[in-house]
Amino acid sequence: MTATSVATRGLTALDRCDRCGAQAYVRATLATSGGELLFCAHHAREVETKLRPQTTQWQDETSKLHEKPTFDDD
């Protein structure tokens, strides 16, 4: 059996929380099925302690919440 590394794409505004539909900032990849769950920052914090040990990847992009937007001055 060969392990395959899959590049994970960044989360965008189109990715929505599976619990409430808000913008997702965390992707959890489940160890048992390989399925993915998406969470907003609030729901990720709510389930992290219980869910994270059951994942192979916990992609946390909540730092984007603190980024200042940039505007192009054309």
Protein backbone atom coordinates (compact mmCIF):
# COMPACT_ATOMS: atom_id res chain seq x y z
CA MET A 1 0.00 0.00 0.00
CA THR A 2 1.30 3.44 -0.94
CA ALA A 3 0.50 6.60 0.95
CA THR A 4 -0.64 9.42 -1.27
CA SER A 5 -0.11 13.04 -0.37
CA VAL A 6 -2.91 15.30 -1.48
CA ALA A 7 -2.38 19.04 -1.64
CA THR A 8 -5.14 20.80 0.22
CA ARG A 9 -6.49 23.93 -1.36
CA GLY A 10 -7.10 27.02 0.70
CA LEU A 11 -10.60 27.76 1.91
CA THR A 12 -12.53 30.51 0.11
CA ALA A 13 -15.71 32.48 0.68
CA LEU A 14 -17.54 29.76 -1.29
CA ASP A 15 -16.71 27.15 1.39
CA ARG A 16 -19.55 27.08 3.92
CA CYS A 17 -19.83 25.70 7.46
CA ASP A 18 -21.65 22.35 7.57
CA ARG A 19 -23.39 23.39 10.80
CA CYS A 20 -24.69 26.89 10.06
CA GLY A 21 -23.80 27.91 6.50
CA ALA A 22 -21.43 30.73 7.49
CA GLN A 23 -18.04 31.04 5.76
CA ALA A 24 -15.83 28.07 6.65
CA TYR A 25 -12.38 28.65 8.09
CA VAL A 26 -11.59 25.08 9.21
CA ARG A 27 -11.51 21.84 7.18
CA ALA A 28 -11.44 18.56 9.13
CA THR A 29 -10.51 15.42 7.19
CA LEU A 30 -11.86 12.33 8.93
CA ALA A 31 -9.46 9.43 9.50
CA THR A 32 -12.05 6.67 9.14
CA SER A 33 -13.71 7.71 5.89
CA GLY A 34 -11.48 10.39 4.41
CA GLY A 35 -14.54 12.63 4.26
CA GLU A 36 -14.31 16.32 4.99
CA LEU A 37 -16.25 18.55 7.33
CA LEU A 38 -16.16 22.35 7.07
CA PHE A 39 -16.70 24.66 10.01
CA CYS A 40 -16.89 28.37 10.73
CA ALA A 41 -14.53 29.53 13.49
CA HIS A 42 -17.27 29.34 16.13
CA HIS A 43 -18.34 25.78 15.38
CA ALA A 44 -14.73 24.61 14.90
CA ARG A 45 -13.91 25.73 18.45
CA GLU A 46 -17.07 24.06 19.69
CA VAL A 47 -16.19 20.59 18.25
CA GLU A 48 -12.38 20.66 18.12
CA THR A 49 -11.63 18.86 21.39
CA LYS A 50 -13.84 15.91 20.51
CA LEU A 51 -13.39 15.80 16.73
CA ARG A 52 -9.70 16.61 16.17
CA PRO A 53 -8.38 13.23 17.46
CA GLN A 54 -10.55 11.56 14.79
CA THR A 55 -8.98 13.51 11.91
CA THR A 56 -5.94 13.08 9.71
CA GLN A 57 -5.88 16.79 8.96
CA TRP A 58 -7.18 19.89 10.73
CA GLN A 59 -6.75 22.82 8.32
CA ASP A 60 -7.26 25.96 10.38
CA GLU A 61 -7.42 29.26 8.50
CA THR A 62 -9.07 31.29 11.26
CA SER A 63 -6.13 33.72 11.11
CA LYS A 64 -7.83 35.11 7.97
CA LEU A 65 -10.42 36.66 10.27
CA HIS A 66 -7.79 39.14 11.48
CA GLU A 67 -6.34 40.07 8.10
CA LYS A 68 -6.92 43.59 6.86
CA PRO A 69 -8.34 43.78 3.33
CA THR A 70 -6.16 45.25 0.63
CA PHE A 71 -7.52 47.43 -2.13
CA ASP A 72 -5.94 48.09 -5.49
CA ASP A 73 -5.69 51.74 -6.43
CA ASP A 74 -5.85 51.67 -10.22
